[in-house]
Amino acid sequence: MNNLVKVFCHLVFSVLLLSSTNAYAEPQFHDTFETGDLSHSENGVYYGGSTSASVSAVNKLNGSYSLRFLFRAKPVGEDSFAEQRMNYPQTDELWLKFDLYIPSNYYHRNDSPSNNKFLAIYKKDYRYPGFQVNWSLTANGQGGSNIALHRYRNGGEQRILDPEIGRNFLTSSDRGKWINIIARVKAPSSATASDGIMQMWKNGDLVTNETSLDNYGGANENYMDELYLLGWSNSGFTEETIFYLDNLSIDNEPFNRPNPPSGVIVD
């Protein structure tokens, strides 16, 4: 009888452990675009406005569909624009993960201003003061891109950060390939704190690692609830340039806990 009890207890413990492990692996939102459109919503996360962005079956990493971003060809001196907005419940920390296809003809023109939006996370409305950060791509002079960090404090833009580890974020070796991106943003804990975070990983490697930011959003403004993927291209593109995005996940904690990306401490 005692042996049966022991076996039963072991089975119960194993089931609970497995359930706990699986719970860690489930993000708040995950979309592989297999609905064929942007109708998917989950736990208060849903798609907002689209500009030159749509679900497509042309190029995908997994399944049958991905999200297509079309940047139209423009002459030097003119900009291009493709963007997908998203809404999510108010939070002070956000994690994103997605796969991104870099076009085989990707070429970042060095046409001042040449900064192009990559990922923006903020308190809506984006046009007004409040918590706001973004990663932007800047020309590296060889057709590739460095990555720079923009952040605001009480509605005013702070000094742009150009980290060494973000240099040559995109190069000719990325053309025609899928890359994996994980991004983490955390708002400062108070108006006087310097514990805001902007981290990004490309294919598992840290490319930005700011963990002591003082980018307080303001009273009743220090949180995030909207974002957009890619966005305005100040450099423009000489040729029609199309990105594809697949396997999009959003959460308020590291993905696949308790094994988060390198450089992250899990409490």
C-alpha atoms as a PDB file:
ATOM      1  CA  MET A   1       0.000   0.000   0.000  1.00  0.00           C
ATOM      2  CA  ASN A   2       2.814   2.384   0.908  1.00  0.00           C
ATOM      3  CA  ASN A   3       4.502   1.680  -2.431  1.00  0.00           C
ATOM      4  CA  LEU A   4       1.271   2.509  -4.288  1.00  0.00           C
ATOM      5  CA  VAL A   5       0.984   5.796  -2.398  1.00  0.00           C
ATOM      6  CA  LYS A   6       4.567   6.644  -3.265  1.00  0.00           C
ATOM      7  CA  VAL A   7       3.983   5.895  -6.939  1.00  0.00           C
ATOM      8  CA  PHE A   8       0.809   7.969  -6.945  1.00  0.00           C
ATOM      9  CA  CYS A   9       2.532  10.919  -5.271  1.00  0.00           C
ATOM     10  CA  HIS A  10       5.389  10.704  -7.764  1.00  0.00           C
ATOM     11  CA  LEU A  11       2.946  10.780 -10.676  1.00  0.00           C
ATOM     12  CA  VAL A  12       1.077  13.771  -9.217  1.00  0.00           C
ATOM     13  CA  PHE A  13       4.357  15.651  -8.676  1.00  0.00           C
ATOM     14  CA  SER A  14       5.473  14.895 -12.231  1.00  0.00           C
ATOM     15  CA  VAL A  15       2.187  16.182 -13.669  1.00  0.00           C
ATOM     16  CA  LEU A  16       2.372  19.364 -11.598  1.00  0.00           C
ATOM     17  CA  LEU A  17       5.990  19.944 -12.619  1.00  0.00           C
ATOM     18  CA  LEU A  18       5.152  19.412 -16.282  1.00  0.00           C
ATOM     19  CA  SER A  19       2.178  21.765 -16.018  1.00  0.00           C
ATOM     20  CA  SER A  20       4.360  24.415 -14.376  1.00  0.00           C
ATOM     21  CA  THR A  21       7.005  24.050 -17.086  1.00  0.00           C
ATOM     22  CA  ASN A  22       4.387  24.335 -19.844  1.00  0.00           C
ATOM     23  CA  ALA A  23       2.885  27.405 -18.167  1.00  0.00           C
ATOM     24  CA  TYR A  24       6.251  29.128 -18.477  1.00  0.00           C
ATOM     25  CA  ALA A  25       6.322  28.361 -22.206  1.00  0.00           C
ATOM     26  CA  GLU A  26       2.963  29.977 -23.017  1.00  0.00           C
ATOM     27  CA  PRO A  27       3.271  33.676 -23.940  1.00  0.00           C
ATOM     28  CA  GLN A  28       0.477  36.171 -23.457  1.00  0.00           C
ATOM     29  CA  PHE A  29       0.079  36.425 -27.239  1.00  0.00           C
ATOM     30  CA  HIS A  30       1.398  34.309 -30.093  1.00  0.00           C
ATOM     31  CA  ASP A  31       0.549  34.521 -33.786  1.00  0.00           C
ATOM     32  CA  THR A  32       1.851  32.499 -36.712  1.00  0.00           C
ATOM     33  CA  PHE A  33      -0.613  34.287 -39.056  1.00  0.00           C
ATOM     34  CA  GLU A  34      -2.251  31.015 -40.026  1.00  0.00           C
ATOM     35  CA  THR A  35      -5.670  32.717 -39.896  1.00  0.00           C
ATOM     36  CA  GLY A  36      -4.587  34.368 -43.152  1.00  0.00           C
ATOM     37  CA  ASP A  37      -5.376  37.818 -41.752  1.00  0.00           C
ATOM     38  CA  LEU A  38      -4.863  40.040 -38.680  1.00  0.00           C
ATOM     39  CA  SER A  39      -7.954  38.868 -36.808  1.00  0.00           C
ATOM     40  CA  HIS A  40      -6.053  36.993 -34.092  1.00  0.00           C
ATOM     41  CA  SER A  41      -6.354  38.459 -30.584  1.00  0.00           C
ATOM     42  CA  GLU A  42      -5.411  36.965 -27.236  1.00  0.00           C
ATOM     43  CA  ASN A  43      -5.447  38.113 -23.604  1.00  0.00           C
ATOM     44  CA  GLY A  44      -6.215  41.698 -24.544  1.00  0.00           C
ATOM     45  CA  VAL A  45      -3.543  41.882 -27.268  1.00  0.00           C
ATOM     46  CA  TYR A  46      -4.774  42.742 -30.758  1.00  0.00           C
ATOM     47  CA  TYR A  47      -3.681  44.359 -34.014  1.00  0.00           C
ATOM     48  CA  GLY A  48      -4.190  48.041 -34.731  1.00  0.00           C
ATOM     49  CA  GLY A  49      -3.680  50.060 -37.885  1.00  0.00           C
ATOM     50  CA  SER A  50      -1.679  48.795 -40.856  1.00  0.00           C
ATOM     51  CA  THR A  51       0.264  50.825 -43.401  1.00  0.00           C
ATOM     52  CA  SER A  52       1.597  48.810 -46.359  1.00  0.00           C
ATOM     53  CA  ALA A  53       1.500  45.744 -44.073  1.00  0.00           C
ATOM     54  CA  SER A  54      -0.652  42.678 -44.745  1.00  0.00           C
ATOM     55  CA  VAL A  55      -0.708  38.910 -44.268  1.00  0.00           C
ATOM     56  CA  SER A  56       0.838  37.103 -47.227  1.00  0.00           C
ATOM     57  CA  ALA A  57       1.553  33.558 -48.433  1.00  0.00           C
ATOM     58  CA  VAL A  58       4.542  34.611 -50.549  1.00  0.00           C
ATOM     59  CA  ASN A  59       7.350  34.085 -48.008  1.00  0.00           C
ATOM     60  CA  LYS A  60       7.048  32.396 -44.621  1.00  0.00           C
ATOM     61  CA  LEU A  61       9.304  30.714 -42.112  1.00  0.00           C
ATOM     62  CA  ASN A  62       6.714  28.253 -40.850  1.00  0.00           C
ATOM     63  CA  GLY A  63       3.207  27.350 -41.929  1.00  0.00           C
ATOM     64  CA  SER A  64       1.490  29.069 -44.848  1.00  0.00           C
ATOM     65  CA  TYR A  65       1.493  32.792 -43.992  1.00  0.00           C
ATOM     66  CA  SER A  66       3.555  35.667 -42.630  1.00  0.00           C
ATOM     67  CA  LEU A  67       3.175  39.421 -42.204  1.00  0.00           C
ATOM     68  CA  ARG A  68       4.445  41.353 -45.237  1.00  0.00           C
ATOM     69  CA  PHE A  69       5.880  44.911 -45.067  1.00  0.00           C
ATOM     70  CA  LEU A  70       6.152  46.644 -48.425  1.00  0.00           C
ATOM     71  CA  PHE A  71       8.501  49.636 -48.647  1.00  0.00           C
ATOM     72  CA  ARG A  72       7.957  51.190 -52.072  1.00  0.00           C
ATOM     73  CA  ALA A  73      10.846  52.425 -54.204  1.00  0.00           C
ATOM     74  CA  LYS A  74      11.538  56.142 -53.796  1.00  0.00           C
ATOM     75  CA  PRO A  75      14.075  58.517 -55.369  1.00  0.00           C
ATOM     76  CA  VAL A  76      16.880  59.854 -53.203  1.00  0.00           C
ATOM     77  CA  GLY A  77      15.489  62.466 -50.816  1.00  0.00           C
ATOM     78  CA  GLU A  78      12.085  60.794 -50.439  1.00  0.00           C
ATOM     79  CA  ASP A  79      10.927  58.536 -47.608  1.00  0.00           C
ATOM     80  CA  SER A  80       9.100  55.204 -47.537  1.00  0.00           C
ATOM     81  CA  PHE A  81       6.653  53.780 -44.983  1.00  0.00           C
ATOM     82  CA  ALA A  82       5.381  50.371 -43.845  1.00  0.00           C
ATOM     83  CA  GLU A  83       4.118  49.738 -40.322  1.00  0.00           C
ATOM     84  CA  GLN A  84       1.948  47.474 -38.180  1.00  0.00           C
ATOM     85  CA  ARG A  85       0.507  48.731 -34.888  1.00  0.00           C
ATOM     86  CA  MET A  86      -0.531  46.613 -31.909  1.00  0.00           C
ATOM     87  CA  ASN A  87      -2.426  47.215 -28.680  1.00  0.00           C
ATOM     88  CA  TYR A  88      -1.997  45.375 -25.375  1.00  0.00           C
ATOM     89  CA  PRO A  89      -2.974  45.778 -21.698  1.00  0.00           C
ATOM     90  CA  GLN A  90      -1.187  48.478 -19.731  1.00  0.00           C
ATOM     91  CA  THR A  91       2.152  47.241 -18.380  1.00  0.00           C
ATOM     92  CA  ASP A  92       5.512  48.501 -17.123  1.00  0.00           C
ATOM     93  CA  GLU A  93       7.457  45.675 -18.800  1.00  0.00           C
ATOM     94  CA  LEU A  94       7.096  44.138 -22.238  1.00  0.00           C
ATOM     95  CA  TRP A  95       8.831  41.341 -24.140  1.00  0.00           C
ATOM     96  CA  LEU A  96       8.567  40.764 -27.893  1.00  0.00           C
ATOM     97  CA  LYS A  97       9.855  37.917 -30.021  1.00  0.00           C
ATOM     98  CA  PHE A  98       9.599  37.462 -33.784  1.00  0.00           C
ATOM     99  CA  ASP A  99      11.376  36.162 -36.859  1.00  0.00           C
ATOM    100  CA  LEU A 100      12.142  38.707 -39.570  1.00  0.00           C
ATOM    101  CA  TYR A 101      13.115  38.067 -43.176  1.00  0.00           C
ATOM    102  CA  ILE A 102      15.713  40.535 -44.469  1.00  0.00           C
ATOM    103  CA  PRO A 103      15.154  41.183 -48.192  1.00  0.00           C
ATOM    104  CA  SER A 104      17.830  39.945 -50.575  1.00  0.00           C
ATOM    105  CA  ASN A 105      18.033  43.481 -52.015  1.00  0.00           C
ATOM    106  CA  TYR A 106      18.213  45.228 -48.638  1.00  0.00           C
ATOM    107  CA  TYR A 107      20.329  48.361 -48.913  1.00  0.00           C
ATOM    108  CA  HIS A 108      20.263  51.136 -46.319  1.00  0.00           C
ATOM    109  CA  ARG A 109      20.919  54.403 -48.146  1.00  0.00           C
ATOM    110  CA  ASN A 110      23.123  56.969 -46.458  1.00  0.00           C
ATOM    111  CA  ASP A 111      20.704  59.788 -47.257  1.00  0.00           C
ATOM    112  CA  SER A 112      20.470  62.275 -44.385  1.00  0.00           C
ATOM    113  CA  PRO A 113      18.349  61.842 -42.389  1.00  0.00           C
ATOM    114  CA  SER A 114      18.782  58.097 -42.801  1.00  0.00           C
ATOM    115  CA  ASN A 115      17.276  56.703 -39.597  1.00  0.00           C
ATOM    116  CA  ASN A 116      14.551  54.105 -40.109  1.00  0.00           C
ATOM    117  CA  LYS A 117      12.160  52.874 -37.416  1.00  0.00           C
ATOM    118  CA  PHE A 118      12.529  49.233 -36.395  1.00  0.00           C
ATOM    119  CA  LEU A 119      10.438  48.851 -33.242  1.00  0.00           C
ATOM    120  CA  ALA A 120       8.602  51.450 -31.134  1.00  0.00           C
ATOM    121  CA  ILE A 121       6.988  50.776 -27.725  1.00  0.00           C
ATOM    122  CA  TYR A 122       5.041  53.486 -25.954  1.00  0.00           C
ATOM    123  CA  LYS A 123       1.982  54.764 -24.132  1.00  0.00           C
ATOM    124  CA  LYS A 124      -0.589  55.752 -26.701  1.00  0.00           C
ATOM    125  CA  ASP A 125      -1.097  58.254 -28.231  1.00  0.00           C
ATOM    126  CA  TYR A 126       2.402  58.212 -29.761  1.00  0.00           C
ATOM    127  CA  ARG A 127       2.143  61.891 -30.696  1.00  0.00           C
ATOM    128  CA  TYR A 128       1.821  63.101 -27.108  1.00  0.00           C
ATOM    129  CA  PRO A 129       4.075  63.015 -24.015  1.00  0.00           C
ATOM    130  CA  GLY A 130       4.240  59.777 -22.094  1.00  0.00           C
ATOM    131  CA  PHE A 131       6.486  56.739 -21.901  1.00  0.00           C
ATOM    132  CA  GLN A 132       8.100  56.174 -25.299  1.00  0.00           C
ATOM    133  CA  VAL A 133      11.116  54.275 -26.633  1.00  0.00           C
ATOM    134  CA  ASN A 134      12.158  53.013 -30.029  1.00  0.00           C
ATOM    135  CA  TRP A 135      14.952  51.221 -31.809  1.00  0.00           C
ATOM    136  CA  SER A 136      15.941  52.796 -35.125  1.00  0.00           C
ATOM    137  CA  LEU A 137      18.271  51.643 -37.868  1.00  0.00           C
ATOM    138  CA  THR A 138      21.005  53.991 -39.061  1.00  0.00           C
ATOM    139  CA  ALA A 139      23.180  53.591 -42.158  1.00  0.00           C
ATOM    140  CA  ASN A 140      26.584  51.976 -41.555  1.00  0.00           C
ATOM    141  CA  GLY A 141      27.966  53.355 -44.821  1.00  0.00           C
ATOM    142  CA  GLN A 142      28.186  49.929 -46.470  1.00  0.00           C
ATOM    143  CA  GLY A 143      24.525  49.346 -47.267  1.00  0.00           C
ATOM    144  CA  GLY A 144      23.875  47.760 -43.871  1.00  0.00           C
ATOM    145  CA  SER A 145      22.485  49.149 -40.623  1.00  0.00           C
ATOM    146  CA  ASN A 146      23.575  50.006 -37.114  1.00  0.00           C
ATOM    147  CA  ILE A 147      20.928  50.138 -34.389  1.00  0.00           C
ATOM    148  CA  ALA A 148      20.312  53.169 -32.179  1.00  0.00           C
ATOM    149  CA  LEU A 149      18.065  53.704 -29.143  1.00  0.00           C
ATOM    150  CA  HIS A 150      15.672  56.619 -28.757  1.00  0.00           C
ATOM    151  CA  ARG A 151      13.894  57.338 -25.476  1.00  0.00           C
ATOM    152  CA  TYR A 152      11.971  60.164 -23.884  1.00  0.00           C
ATOM    153  CA  ARG A 153      11.687  61.570 -20.364  1.00  0.00           C
ATOM    154  CA  ASN A 154       8.536  63.463 -19.391  1.00  0.00           C
ATOM    155  CA  GLY A 155       7.793  63.942 -23.086  1.00  0.00           C
ATOM    156  CA  GLY A 156      11.224  65.297 -24.052  1.00  0.00           C
ATOM    157  CA  GLU A 157      13.670  63.311 -26.179  1.00  0.00           C
ATOM    158  CA  GLN A 158      16.914  62.320 -24.495  1.00  0.00           C
ATOM    159  CA  ARG A 159      20.331  61.832 -26.040  1.00  0.00           C
ATOM    160  CA  ILE A 160      20.278  59.102 -28.693  1.00  0.00           C
ATOM    161  CA  LEU A 161      22.284  56.025 -27.689  1.00  0.00           C
ATOM    162  CA  ASP A 162      24.518  54.378 -30.290  1.00  0.00           C
ATOM    163  CA  PRO A 163      25.945  51.265 -28.571  1.00  0.00           C
ATOM    164  CA  GLU A 164      29.049  49.588 -29.903  1.00  0.00           C
ATOM    165  CA  ILE A 165      27.394  46.165 -29.742  1.00  0.00           C
ATOM    166  CA  GLY A 166      24.649  47.486 -32.039  1.00  0.00           C
ATOM    167  CA  ARG A 167      27.050  48.355 -34.860  1.00  0.00           C
ATOM    168  CA  ASN A 168      26.513  46.397 -38.083  1.00  0.00           C
ATOM    169  CA  PHE A 169      23.223  45.054 -36.759  1.00  0.00           C
ATOM    170  CA  LEU A 170      22.266  44.221 -40.352  1.00  0.00           C
ATOM    171  CA  THR A 171      24.909  43.443 -42.966  1.00  0.00           C
ATOM    172  CA  SER A 172      25.094  41.877 -46.406  1.00  0.00           C
ATOM    173  CA  SER A 173      25.341  38.454 -44.718  1.00  0.00           C
ATOM    174  CA  ASP A 174      21.740  38.853 -43.456  1.00  0.00           C
ATOM    175  CA  ARG A 175      20.253  39.444 -46.901  1.00  0.00           C
ATOM    176  CA  GLY A 176      17.843  36.764 -48.006  1.00  0.00           C
ATOM    177  CA  LYS A 177      17.752  35.209 -44.513  1.00  0.00           C
ATOM    178  CA  TRP A 178      15.471  35.046 -41.482  1.00  0.00           C
ATOM    179  CA  ILE A 179      16.768  36.494 -38.227  1.00  0.00           C
ATOM    180  CA  ASN A 180      15.286  36.070 -34.754  1.00  0.00           C
ATOM    181  CA  ILE A 181      14.632  39.129 -32.606  1.00  0.00           C
ATOM    182  CA  ILE A 182      13.843  39.334 -28.894  1.00  0.00           C
ATOM    183  CA  ALA A 183      13.251  42.755 -27.333  1.00  0.00           C
ATOM    184  CA  ARG A 184      12.675  43.768 -23.722  1.00  0.00           C
ATOM    185  CA  VAL A 185      11.485  47.154 -22.426  1.00  0.00           C
ATOM    186  CA  LYS A 186      10.961  48.083 -18.782  1.00  0.00           C
ATOM    187  CA  ALA A 187       9.835  51.491 -17.548  1.00  0.00           C
ATOM    188  CA  PRO A 188      11.724  53.126 -14.652  1.00  0.00           C
ATOM    189  CA  SER A 189      10.188  52.338 -11.262  1.00  0.00           C
ATOM    190  CA  SER A 190       9.819  56.018 -10.300  1.00  0.00           C
ATOM    191  CA  ALA A 191      10.524  59.583 -11.391  1.00  0.00           C
ATOM    192  CA  THR A 192      13.917  59.513  -9.644  1.00  0.00           C
ATOM    193  CA  ALA A 193      14.926  55.954 -10.565  1.00  0.00           C
ATOM    194  CA  SER A 194      17.469  54.946 -13.205  1.00  0.00           C
ATOM    195  CA  ASP A 195      16.374  51.364 -13.713  1.00  0.00           C
ATOM    196  CA  GLY A 196      14.655  51.557 -17.097  1.00  0.00           C
ATOM    197  CA  ILE A 197      15.644  48.794 -19.523  1.00  0.00           C
ATOM    198  CA  MET A 198      16.025  48.454 -23.288  1.00  0.00           C
ATOM    199  CA  GLN A 199      17.549  45.145 -24.367  1.00  0.00           C
ATOM    200  CA  MET A 200      17.521  43.425 -27.727  1.00  0.00           C
ATOM    201  CA  TRP A 201      18.881  40.105 -28.961  1.00  0.00           C
ATOM    202  CA  LYS A 202      19.531  39.123 -32.566  1.00  0.00           C
ATOM    203  CA  ASN A 203      19.851  35.376 -33.069  1.00  0.00           C
ATOM    204  CA  GLY A 204      20.516  35.022 -29.343  1.00  0.00           C
ATOM    205  CA  ASP A 205      23.236  37.709 -29.163  1.00  0.00           C
ATOM    206  CA  LEU A 206      22.767  40.965 -27.262  1.00  0.00           C
ATOM    207  CA  VAL A 207      22.794  43.959 -29.600  1.00  0.00           C
ATOM    208  CA  THR A 208      21.565  46.543 -27.080  1.00  0.00           C
ATOM    209  CA  ASN A 209      21.885  46.209 -23.304  1.00  0.00           C
ATOM    210  CA  GLU A 210      20.793  49.389 -21.537  1.00  0.00           C
ATOM    211  CA  THR A 211      19.706  48.604 -17.959  1.00  0.00           C
ATOM    212  CA  SER A 212      20.036  51.947 -16.115  1.00  0.00           C
ATOM    213  CA  LEU A 213      17.831  54.372 -18.061  1.00  0.00           C
ATOM    214  CA  ASP A 214      16.077  57.343 -16.423  1.00  0.00           C
ATOM    215  CA  ASN A 215      13.379  57.620 -19.105  1.00  0.00           C
ATOM    216  CA  TYR A 216      10.421  58.201 -16.772  1.00  0.00           C
ATOM    217  CA  GLY A 217       7.236  58.772 -18.759  1.00  0.00           C
ATOM    218  CA  GLY A 218       5.624  61.281 -16.378  1.00  0.00           C
ATOM    219  CA  ALA A 219       2.883  61.185 -13.737  1.00  0.00           C
ATOM    220  CA  ASN A 220       0.180  58.707 -14.814  1.00  0.00           C
ATOM    221  CA  GLU A 221       2.119  58.294 -18.094  1.00  0.00           C
ATOM    222  CA  ASN A 222       4.852  55.851 -17.076  1.00  0.00           C
ATOM    223  CA  TYR A 223       3.605  52.698 -18.777  1.00  0.00           C
ATOM    224  CA  MET A 224       3.197  51.184 -22.247  1.00  0.00           C
ATOM    225  CA  ASP A 225       0.116  49.871 -24.063  1.00  0.00           C
ATOM    226  CA  GLU A 226       0.846  50.203 -27.791  1.00  0.00           C
ATOM    227  CA  LEU A 227       3.667  49.442 -30.212  1.00  0.00           C
ATOM    228  CA  TYR A 228       4.481  49.379 -33.889  1.00  0.00           C
ATOM    229  CA  LEU A 229       6.665  47.057 -35.929  1.00  0.00           C
ATOM    230  CA  LEU A 230       9.042  48.582 -38.511  1.00  0.00           C
ATOM    231  CA  GLY A 231       7.678  51.993 -39.557  1.00  0.00           C
ATOM    232  CA  TRP A 232       8.876  55.181 -41.192  1.00  0.00           C
ATOM    233  CA  SER A 233      11.998  54.956 -43.356  1.00  0.00           C
ATOM    234  CA  ASN A 234      13.711  58.331 -43.585  1.00  0.00           C
ATOM    235  CA  SER A 235      16.374  56.936 -45.911  1.00  0.00           C
ATOM    236  CA  GLY A 236      13.810  55.523 -48.321  1.00  0.00           C
ATOM    237  CA  PHE A 237      14.695  52.613 -50.597  1.00  0.00           C
ATOM    238  CA  THR A 238      15.929  52.780 -54.183  1.00  0.00           C
ATOM    239  CA  GLU A 239      14.224  49.470 -55.008  1.00  0.00           C
ATOM    240  CA  GLU A 240      10.957  48.012 -53.739  1.00  0.00           C
ATOM    241  CA  THR A 241      12.001  46.351 -50.472  1.00  0.00           C
ATOM    242  CA  ILE A 242       9.842  43.748 -48.731  1.00  0.00           C
ATOM    243  CA  PHE A 243      10.284  42.374 -45.222  1.00  0.00           C
ATOM    244  CA  TYR A 244       8.354  39.404 -43.822  1.00  0.00           C
ATOM    245  CA  LEU A 245       7.638  38.764 -40.159  1.00  0.00           C
ATOM    246  CA  ASP A 246       6.583  35.429 -38.613  1.00  0.00           C
ATOM    247  CA  ASN A 247       6.060  33.784 -35.198  1.00  0.00           C
ATOM    248  CA  LEU A 248       5.188  36.934 -33.248  1.00  0.00           C
ATOM    249  CA  SER A 249       5.002  36.592 -29.444  1.00  0.00           C
ATOM    250  CA  ILE A 250       4.273  39.173 -26.728  1.00  0.00           C
ATOM    251  CA  ASP A 251       4.580  38.735 -22.966  1.00  0.00           C
ATOM    252  CA  ASN A 252       5.300  40.574 -19.708  1.00  0.00           C
ATOM    253  CA  GLU A 253       8.149  38.260 -18.676  1.00  0.00           C
ATOM    254  CA  PRO A 254      11.004  36.341 -20.346  1.00  0.00           C
ATOM    255  CA  PHE A 255      10.020  33.727 -22.898  1.00  0.00           C
ATOM    256  CA  ASN A 256      10.476  30.037 -22.103  1.00  0.00           C
ATOM    257  CA  ARG A 257      11.203  30.577 -18.435  1.00  0.00           C
ATOM    258  CA  PRO A 258      13.173  29.452 -16.533  1.00  0.00           C
ATOM    259  CA  ASN A 259      15.603  29.616 -19.499  1.00  0.00           C
ATOM    260  CA  PRO A 260      15.496  33.283 -20.610  1.00  0.00           C
ATOM    261  CA  PRO A 261      17.908  34.890 -23.082  1.00  0.00           C
ATOM    262  CA  SER A 262      21.499  35.411 -21.939  1.00  0.00           C
ATOM    263  CA  GLY A 263      22.064  38.513 -19.862  1.00  0.00           C
ATOM    264  CA  VAL A 264      18.672  38.322 -18.082  1.00  0.00           C
ATOM    265  CA  ILE A 265      18.242  37.672 -14.368  1.00  0.00           C
ATOM    266  CA  VAL A 266      14.945  35.989 -13.497  1.00  0.00           C
ATOM    267  CA  ASP A 267      13.632  36.748 -10.019  1.00  0.00           C
END
